[in-house]
Amino acid sequence: MSKNLDTNLNTSLDEVIERTLADNRLVGTVVKVAVDGVLVYNGVAGFADRERNNPMQENALFRLASVSKPIVSTAALVLISQGRLQLDDRVDRWLPYFQPRLQNGEIAELTIRHLITHTAGLTYRFFQEENGSYHRAGVSDGMDQAGITLEENLRRIASVPLLYTPGTQWKYSIATDVLGAVIAKVTEMPLQEAVHSLVLKPLGMNDTGFTAIDPERLTTAYANDVPVPRPMHDPDSLAFVEGTAGFRLAPSRAFDESAFPSGGAGMVGSAHDFLQLLETLRKGGTPLLSERLVHEMTTNQIGDLPMAYWPGRGFGLGFTLLKDPVAAGTPESPGTWRMGGTYGHSWFVDPERKLSVVAFTNTALEGMSGQFTVDLCQAVYDGIKQ
């Protein structure tokens, strides 16, 4: 790695992070960039807890929200690699109580493939209008303190007709929570233990789980506000898209071992740990998965189905994949994997450039879909130009 690259990348990323903090759009962040397996940028800035004047630390823990999805999806693929689960297994083979119906009342033919590609006909409560069908059924999106079990939440989800016939549309959804219940059933252990056994322990992801392994290292959660981000209430609600119910969040869920394990939104971890997972997959999957299965995971599985909020992208087995950089308005290479998390995170892997980037923040929603994510991405590519 050239000294010039290191200098350019540090300058480019430092400027974006310092500007975003100065503009009061973020409170704190940990940003890690690896190129060809070498950590070339390790940025730690701002506050873990602004009110207590606690600076951000490199080993800070964050509520992962949807950053949980690639971890849990990987756990499912490990089971597939072991021959214990098949992508085309019907979900009700493993979860007989989970038999949602189509709009016409027929029981849907729902498979593991539909769940992991988000073509299952499900949605999220936060996408629906106020008092929508998931609200009326008491469905939890996995980020609030619902006081119910995972099985009970799935029963509530299954009580609502699917939005569409599985496989015919793509909609980001609570499907990974259902996938988590399948993993628990296949392994005959709680999801927390299954994910630890299948993914976290083999990769040494010791900071990651469904509750904070060290509460003192967990960052305070903030919400975008003017003039500065505000500490989140517990519980709290955040607007998402106009006309939708928005997010229902309970930051204290990260301490609650009795909260049901939400495979799609319920994990806690560090930037270092998550980079370890991304790099493992980018390098071919050893010791978790075969290169063949990683190739399938990172290949578009949904054809030309349109993806709301993600123009120019397709979807693999657990995350988005870039098809058209122009349509997406991004400097990323075609084939780049990317997603984020409500509590303030973004990440992407550009296999063509052998590049992995993790940007965790404690500020929803700026760190997930705000200008920071755009500026950060551009700064990475500006910094690695040879």
Protein backbone atom coordinates (compact mmCIF):
# COMPACT_ATOMS: atom_id res chain seq x y z
CA MET A 1 0.00 0.00 0.00
CA SER A 2 1.50 3.28 -1.05
CA LYS A 3 2.20 6.06 1.44
CA ASN A 4 0.47 8.42 -1.00
CA LEU A 5 -2.75 6.39 -0.82
CA ASP A 6 -2.68 6.41 2.98
CA THR A 7 -2.17 10.18 3.06
CA ASN A 8 -4.86 10.92 0.47
CA LEU A 9 -7.40 8.64 2.13
CA ASN A 10 -6.75 10.02 5.61
CA THR A 11 -7.08 13.60 4.39
CA SER A 12 -10.21 12.90 2.35
CA LEU A 13 -12.06 11.01 5.10
CA ASP A 14 -10.91 13.23 7.96
CA GLU A 15 -12.35 16.26 6.15
CA VAL A 16 -15.76 14.63 5.68
CA ILE A 17 -15.99 13.42 9.27
CA GLU A 18 -14.82 16.73 10.75
CA ARG A 19 -17.26 18.70 8.59
CA THR A 20 -20.19 16.46 9.47
CA LEU A 21 -19.43 16.73 13.18
CA ALA A 22 -18.99 20.52 12.92
CA ASP A 23 -22.36 20.77 11.14
CA ASN A 24 -23.96 18.93 14.09
CA ARG A 25 -25.24 16.13 11.88
CA LEU A 26 -23.40 13.42 13.81
CA VAL A 27 -22.39 13.05 17.45
CA GLY A 28 -19.76 10.34 17.07
CA THR A 29 -18.42 7.75 14.64
CA VAL A 30 -15.99 4.90 14.04
CA VAL A 31 -14.95 4.45 10.40
CA LYS A 32 -12.75 1.60 9.15
CA VAL A 33 -11.49 1.08 5.61
CA ALA A 34 -9.63 -2.02 4.42
CA VAL A 35 -7.99 -2.35 0.99
CA ASP A 36 -6.75 -5.76 -0.10
CA GLY A 37 -6.98 -7.01 3.47
CA VAL A 38 -4.99 -4.14 4.99
CA LEU A 39 -6.62 -1.65 7.37
CA VAL A 40 -5.72 1.64 5.69
CA TYR A 41 -8.01 3.98 7.65
CA ASN A 42 -9.14 3.77 11.26
CA GLY A 43 -11.09 6.89 12.18
CA VAL A 44 -12.54 7.54 15.64
CA ALA A 45 -14.21 10.91 16.20
CA GLY A 46 -16.79 12.77 18.23
CA PHE A 47 -18.54 11.57 21.36
CA ALA A 48 -19.86 8.22 22.54
CA ASP A 49 -21.91 10.23 25.06
CA ARG A 50 -21.92 13.99 24.46
CA GLU A 51 -23.69 14.93 27.69
CA ARG A 52 -21.14 13.05 29.80
CA ASN A 53 -18.27 14.29 27.65
CA ASN A 54 -17.22 10.71 26.88
CA PRO A 55 -15.18 10.58 23.66
CA MET A 56 -15.83 7.92 21.06
CA GLN A 57 -13.59 4.86 21.41
CA GLU A 58 -12.39 2.48 18.71
CA ASN A 59 -13.95 -0.48 20.55
CA ALA A 60 -17.31 1.26 21.09
CA LEU A 61 -20.43 -0.86 20.84
CA PHE A 62 -23.41 0.19 18.71
CA ARG A 63 -27.01 -0.90 18.33
CA LEU A 64 -26.73 -2.49 14.89
CA ALA A 65 -30.37 -2.39 13.71
CA SER A 66 -30.34 -3.74 10.11
CA VAL A 67 -26.60 -4.39 10.23
CA SER A 68 -27.90 -7.51 12.02
CA LYS A 69 -29.29 -8.82 8.72
CA PRO A 70 -26.05 -9.83 6.96
CA ILE A 71 -24.87 -11.54 10.15
CA VAL A 72 -28.06 -13.60 10.50
CA SER A 73 -28.26 -14.24 6.75
CA THR A 74 -24.70 -15.57 6.91
CA ALA A 75 -25.73 -17.89 9.75
CA ALA A 76 -28.50 -19.30 7.54
CA LEU A 77 -26.01 -19.85 4.71
CA VAL A 78 -23.68 -21.71 7.07
CA LEU A 79 -26.57 -24.12 7.76
CA ILE A 80 -27.10 -24.46 4.02
CA SER A 81 -23.39 -25.19 3.53
CA GLN A 82 -23.69 -27.91 6.18
CA GLY A 83 -26.66 -29.48 4.37
CA ARG A 84 -29.00 -28.80 7.30
CA LEU A 85 -31.14 -26.26 5.43
CA GLN A 86 -32.01 -25.66 1.77
CA LEU A 87 -32.82 -22.36 0.06
CA ASP A 88 -35.95 -23.90 -1.45
CA ASP A 89 -37.23 -25.45 1.78
CA ARG A 90 -40.73 -24.26 2.61
CA VAL A 91 -40.75 -22.11 5.71
CA ASP A 92 -43.65 -24.06 7.23
CA ARG A 93 -41.53 -27.21 7.10
CA TRP A 94 -39.55 -25.65 9.93
CA LEU A 95 -42.20 -23.32 11.40
CA PRO A 96 -45.58 -25.08 11.05
CA TYR A 97 -47.32 -22.19 12.80
CA PHE A 98 -46.06 -19.66 10.25
CA GLN A 99 -48.46 -19.93 7.32
CA PRO A 100 -49.36 -16.43 6.13
CA ARG A 101 -52.05 -16.20 3.47
CA LEU A 102 -52.29 -14.44 0.15
CA GLN A 103 -54.81 -11.68 -0.42
CA ASN A 104 -57.27 -14.30 -1.75
CA GLY A 105 -57.04 -16.33 1.45
CA GLU A 106 -54.86 -19.15 0.14
CA ILE A 107 -51.87 -20.26 2.21
CA ALA A 108 -48.73 -18.91 0.54
CA GLU A 109 -45.89 -21.12 -0.67
CA LEU A 110 -43.11 -19.35 1.18
CA THR A 111 -39.47 -20.52 1.04
CA ILE A 112 -36.16 -19.73 2.72
CA ARG A 113 -35.07 -18.14 -0.56
CA HIS A 114 -38.01 -15.72 -0.38
CA LEU A 115 -37.03 -14.73 3.17
CA ILE A 116 -33.32 -14.15 2.53
CA THR A 117 -33.97 -12.19 -0.71
CA HIS A 118 -36.83 -10.10 0.75
CA THR A 119 -39.30 -11.33 -1.86
CA ALA A 120 -41.57 -12.98 0.75
CA GLY A 121 -44.58 -10.67 0.58
CA LEU A 122 -43.84 -9.23 4.02
CA THR A 123 -43.20 -5.61 5.05
CA TYR A 124 -42.21 -3.61 8.12
CA ARG A 125 -44.57 -1.81 10.44
CA PHE A 126 -42.54 1.38 9.95
CA PHE A 127 -43.23 1.29 6.19
CA GLN A 128 -46.99 1.19 6.69
CA GLU A 129 -49.33 4.06 7.38
CA GLU A 130 -50.34 4.87 10.96
CA ASN A 131 -52.69 2.16 12.25
CA GLY A 132 -51.71 -0.14 9.38
CA SER A 133 -52.25 -3.88 9.41
CA TYR A 134 -49.02 -4.69 11.30
CA HIS A 135 -49.89 -2.06 13.92
CA ARG A 136 -53.38 -3.54 14.34
CA ALA A 137 -51.89 -7.02 14.70
CA GLY A 138 -49.35 -5.78 17.29
CA VAL A 139 -46.30 -6.67 15.19
CA SER A 140 -42.91 -5.53 16.51
CA ASP A 141 -40.20 -4.45 14.04
CA GLY A 142 -37.61 -5.77 16.51
CA MET A 143 -36.35 -2.44 17.82
CA ASP A 144 -38.97 -1.68 20.49
CA GLN A 145 -39.74 -3.24 23.87
CA ALA A 146 -42.69 -5.38 22.81
CA GLY A 147 -42.65 -7.77 25.76
CA ILE A 148 -43.44 -10.77 23.53
CA THR A 149 -41.60 -13.84 22.32
CA LEU A 150 -40.19 -14.32 18.82
CA GLU A 151 -42.79 -17.01 18.14
CA GLU A 152 -45.62 -14.71 19.22
CA ASN A 153 -44.34 -11.95 16.95
CA LEU A 154 -44.25 -14.38 14.04
CA ARG A 155 -47.79 -15.52 14.78
CA ARG A 156 -48.87 -11.89 14.59
CA ILE A 157 -47.02 -11.39 11.30
CA ALA A 158 -48.65 -14.52 9.85
CA SER A 159 -52.10 -13.25 10.84
CA VAL A 160 -51.80 -10.45 8.25
CA PRO A 161 -52.26 -11.23 4.52
CA LEU A 162 -49.09 -10.95 2.45
CA LEU A 163 -48.68 -7.85 0.31
CA TYR A 164 -47.98 -9.92 -2.81
CA THR A 165 -47.36 -13.48 -3.98
CA PRO A 166 -43.86 -14.51 -2.85
CA GLY A 167 -41.24 -14.13 -5.56
CA THR A 168 -43.17 -11.61 -7.65
CA GLN A 169 -41.97 -8.38 -5.99
CA TRP A 170 -39.13 -7.12 -3.79
CA LYS A 171 -39.87 -5.24 -0.58
CA TYR A 172 -37.49 -4.72 2.31
CA SER A 173 -39.13 -6.41 5.27
CA ILE A 174 -39.15 -8.23 8.56
CA ALA A 175 -38.30 -11.44 6.68
CA THR A 176 -34.92 -11.79 8.44
CA ASP A 177 -36.74 -12.10 11.78
CA VAL A 178 -38.62 -15.07 10.32
CA LEU A 179 -35.31 -16.44 9.01
CA GLY A 180 -33.91 -16.15 12.53
CA ALA A 181 -36.73 -18.31 13.88
CA VAL A 182 -35.93 -20.91 11.20
CA ILE A 183 -32.26 -20.90 12.26
CA ALA A 184 -33.30 -21.46 15.88
CA LYS A 185 -35.54 -24.36 14.87
CA VAL A 186 -32.93 -26.05 12.63
CA THR A 187 -30.20 -25.79 15.29
CA GLU A 188 -32.56 -26.56 18.17
CA MET A 189 -31.09 -23.70 20.19
CA PRO A 190 -32.04 -20.07 20.89
CA LEU A 191 -31.13 -17.74 18.02
CA GLN A 192 -28.55 -15.98 20.20
CA GLU A 193 -26.67 -19.24 20.73
CA ALA A 194 -27.08 -20.37 17.12
CA VAL A 195 -25.63 -17.18 15.63
CA HIS A 196 -22.77 -17.28 18.12
CA SER A 197 -21.97 -20.89 17.21
CA LEU A 198 -22.37 -20.51 13.44
CA VAL A 199 -20.76 -17.09 12.83
CA LEU A 200 -19.52 -15.09 15.79
CA LYS A 201 -17.31 -17.65 17.53
CA PRO A 202 -15.57 -18.95 14.37
CA LEU A 203 -14.68 -15.39 13.34
CA GLY A 204 -13.70 -14.17 16.80
CA MET A 205 -16.50 -11.56 16.77
CA ASN A 206 -16.36 -11.32 20.55
CA ASP A 207 -17.98 -7.88 20.76
CA THR A 208 -21.19 -8.93 18.98
CA GLY A 209 -24.44 -10.41 20.29
CA PHE A 210 -28.09 -9.68 20.87
CA THR A 211 -27.33 -7.58 23.97
CA ALA A 212 -24.36 -5.35 24.82
CA ILE A 213 -21.52 -7.57 26.04
CA ASP A 214 -20.07 -4.58 27.92
CA PRO A 215 -22.72 -1.92 28.76
CA GLU A 216 -20.01 0.64 29.57
CA ARG A 217 -18.84 0.58 25.94
CA LEU A 218 -22.32 1.01 24.42
CA THR A 219 -22.70 4.43 22.81
CA THR A 220 -25.63 6.69 23.63
CA ALA A 221 -28.22 6.75 20.85
CA TYR A 222 -29.05 10.13 19.28
CA ALA A 223 -31.72 11.29 16.85
CA ASN A 224 -31.32 13.99 14.21
CA ASP A 225 -32.64 17.31 15.44
CA VAL A 226 -32.06 21.05 15.10
CA PRO A 227 -29.78 22.70 16.11
CA VAL A 228 -28.03 19.52 17.36
CA PRO A 229 -28.92 15.82 17.55
CA ARG A 230 -30.89 14.96 20.69
CA PRO A 231 -30.42 11.96 22.97
CA MET A 232 -33.10 9.39 22.18
CA HIS A 233 -35.95 8.88 24.56
CA ASP A 234 -36.81 5.39 25.73
CA PRO A 235 -39.09 4.58 24.01
CA ASP A 236 -38.84 6.95 21.06
CA SER A 237 -40.36 7.34 17.62
CA LEU A 238 -38.66 8.70 14.51
CA ALA A 239 -40.24 9.80 11.26
CA PHE A 240 -39.12 7.87 8.19
CA VAL A 241 -40.93 8.65 4.94
CA GLU A 242 -43.90 11.00 4.87
CA GLY A 243 -47.14 9.07 5.22
CA THR A 244 -45.56 6.14 7.08
CA ALA A 245 -45.75 5.23 10.77
CA GLY A 246 -41.98 5.59 11.21
CA PHE A 247 -39.63 3.84 13.60
CA ARG A 248 -40.51 2.78 17.13
CA LEU A 249 -37.25 2.47 19.06
CA ALA A 250 -36.27 1.50 22.59
CA PRO A 251 -32.54 2.07 23.09
CA SER A 252 -32.63 0.12 26.40
CA ARG A 253 -33.50 -3.03 24.43
CA ALA A 254 -29.73 -3.45 23.97
CA PHE A 255 -29.47 -4.31 27.69
CA ASP A 256 -32.57 -6.52 27.92
CA GLU A 257 -31.76 -10.22 27.77
CA SER A 258 -35.48 -11.02 27.91
CA ALA A 259 -36.22 -9.14 24.66
CA PHE A 260 -36.87 -11.53 21.78
CA PRO A 261 -33.87 -11.93 19.44
CA SER A 262 -34.70 -9.95 16.30
CA GLY A 263 -32.66 -11.39 13.43
CA GLY A 264 -33.34 -8.34 11.32
CA ALA A 265 -32.68 -5.54 13.81
CA GLY A 266 -31.74 -6.71 17.29
CA MET A 267 -27.98 -7.11 17.47
CA VAL A 268 -25.23 -5.04 19.15
CA GLY A 269 -21.59 -4.97 18.08
CA SER A 270 -18.44 -3.11 17.11
CA ALA A 271 -17.08 -1.79 13.82
CA HIS A 272 -14.03 -4.06 14.16
CA ASP A 273 -16.20 -7.17 14.43
CA PHE A 274 -18.37 -6.29 11.47
CA LEU A 275 -15.35 -5.52 9.28
CA GLN A 276 -14.10 -9.01 10.16
CA LEU A 277 -17.31 -10.53 8.73
CA LEU A 278 -17.19 -8.41 5.57
CA GLU A 279 -13.55 -9.26 4.91
CA THR A 280 -14.21 -12.96 5.51
CA LEU A 281 -16.93 -12.92 2.85
CA ARG A 282 -14.91 -10.74 0.46
CA LYS A 283 -11.96 -13.14 0.63
CA GLY A 284 -14.15 -16.14 -0.21
CA GLY A 285 -15.88 -17.20 2.99
CA THR A 286 -13.32 -19.39 4.80
CA PRO A 287 -13.88 -20.69 7.50
CA LEU A 288 -17.65 -20.17 7.24
CA LEU A 289 -18.68 -20.70 3.63
CA SER A 290 -17.42 -22.05 0.32
CA GLU A 291 -16.50 -19.62 -2.46
CA ARG A 292 -19.42 -21.03 -4.48
CA LEU A 293 -21.93 -20.09 -1.78
CA VAL A 294 -20.36 -16.64 -1.26
CA HIS A 295 -20.61 -16.10 -5.02
CA GLU A 296 -24.32 -16.94 -4.87
CA MET A 297 -24.76 -14.68 -1.84
CA THR A 298 -23.14 -11.77 -3.68
CA THR A 299 -24.92 -12.26 -7.03
CA ASN A 300 -28.20 -10.55 -7.85
CA GLN A 301 -31.02 -13.01 -7.10
CA ILE A 302 -34.07 -10.90 -7.95
CA GLY A 303 -33.63 -10.19 -11.67
CA ASP A 304 -35.07 -6.83 -12.66
CA LEU A 305 -37.56 -6.48 -9.81
CA PRO A 306 -37.62 -2.78 -8.85
CA MET A 307 -36.25 -1.82 -5.44
CA ALA A 308 -37.84 1.15 -3.71
CA TYR A 309 -35.27 3.52 -2.15
CA TRP A 310 -32.35 1.75 -3.92
CA PRO A 311 -32.32 2.62 -7.63
CA GLY A 312 -29.71 0.82 -9.71
CA ARG A 313 -29.35 -2.02 -7.25
CA GLY A 314 -30.38 -5.64 -6.99
CA PHE A 315 -30.40 -8.03 -4.05
CA GLY A 316 -28.37 -11.12 -3.20
CA LEU A 317 -28.76 -13.49 -0.27
CA GLY A 318 -28.89 -10.90 2.49
CA PHE A 319 -27.94 -7.46 1.11
CA THR A 320 -28.12 -5.12 -1.88
CA LEU A 321 -25.83 -5.41 -4.92
CA LEU A 322 -24.96 -2.59 -7.29
CA LYS A 323 -26.07 -3.12 -10.90
CA ASP A 324 -25.90 0.39 -12.36
CA PRO A 325 -23.59 3.00 -10.72
CA VAL A 326 -25.09 5.81 -12.85
CA ALA A 327 -28.67 5.02 -11.80
CA ALA A 328 -27.52 4.74 -8.18
CA GLY A 329 -25.46 7.93 -8.39
CA THR A 330 -22.39 6.36 -6.82
CA PRO A 331 -18.65 5.96 -7.55
CA GLU A 332 -18.83 2.31 -6.40
CA SER A 333 -17.95 -0.44 -8.87
CA PRO A 334 -20.69 -2.69 -10.28
CA GLY A 335 -21.17 -5.65 -7.95
CA THR A 336 -20.60 -3.63 -4.76
CA TRP A 337 -22.55 -4.88 -1.73
CA ARG A 338 -24.13 -2.29 0.57
CA MET A 339 -26.66 -1.74 3.36
CA GLY A 340 -27.05 0.24 6.57
CA GLY A 341 -28.87 0.46 9.89
CA THR A 342 -31.50 2.74 11.41
CA TYR A 343 -29.40 3.71 14.45
CA GLY A 344 -26.88 5.35 12.12
CA HIS A 345 -24.71 2.95 10.15
CA SER A 346 -23.58 2.30 6.59
CA TRP A 347 -21.20 -0.22 5.08
CA PHE A 348 -20.14 -1.42 1.66
CA VAL A 349 -17.79 -3.88 -0.02
CA ASP A 350 -16.40 -3.25 -3.51
CA PRO A 351 -14.92 -6.61 -4.56
CA GLU A 352 -13.42 -5.17 -7.75
CA ARG A 353 -11.34 -2.72 -5.70
CA LYS A 354 -10.79 -5.25 -2.85
CA LEU A 355 -12.34 -2.59 -0.63
CA SER A 356 -14.39 -2.94 2.59
CA VAL A 357 -15.80 0.07 4.45
CA VAL A 358 -17.62 0.17 7.80
CA ALA A 359 -19.03 3.46 9.11
CA PHE A 360 -20.83 3.13 12.44
CA THR A 361 -22.31 6.20 14.13
CA ASN A 362 -24.55 6.83 17.11
CA THR A 363 -26.83 9.21 15.21
CA ALA A 364 -30.01 8.04 13.47
CA LEU A 365 -30.80 8.48 10.62
CA GLU A 366 -27.95 10.61 9.24
CA GLY A 367 -25.42 7.82 9.51
CA MET A 368 -27.68 5.45 7.55
CA SER A 369 -29.07 7.50 4.67
CA GLY A 370 -28.03 11.11 5.17
CA GLN A 371 -25.53 13.24 3.28
CA PHE A 372 -22.76 11.77 5.43
CA THR A 373 -23.07 8.40 3.68
CA VAL A 374 -22.81 10.05 0.25
CA ASP A 375 -19.86 12.24 1.23
CA LEU A 376 -18.07 9.38 2.97
CA CYS A 377 -18.38 7.09 -0.04
CA GLN A 378 -17.07 9.77 -2.40
CA ALA A 379 -14.19 10.52 -0.04
CA VAL A 380 -13.16 6.85 0.02
CA TYR A 381 -12.95 6.70 -3.76
CA ASP A 382 -11.22 10.09 -3.98
CA GLY A 383 -8.70 8.84 -1.43
CA ILE A 384 -7.86 5.55 -3.15
CA LYS A 385 -7.41 6.93 -6.67
CA GLN A 386 -4.04 5.79 -7.95
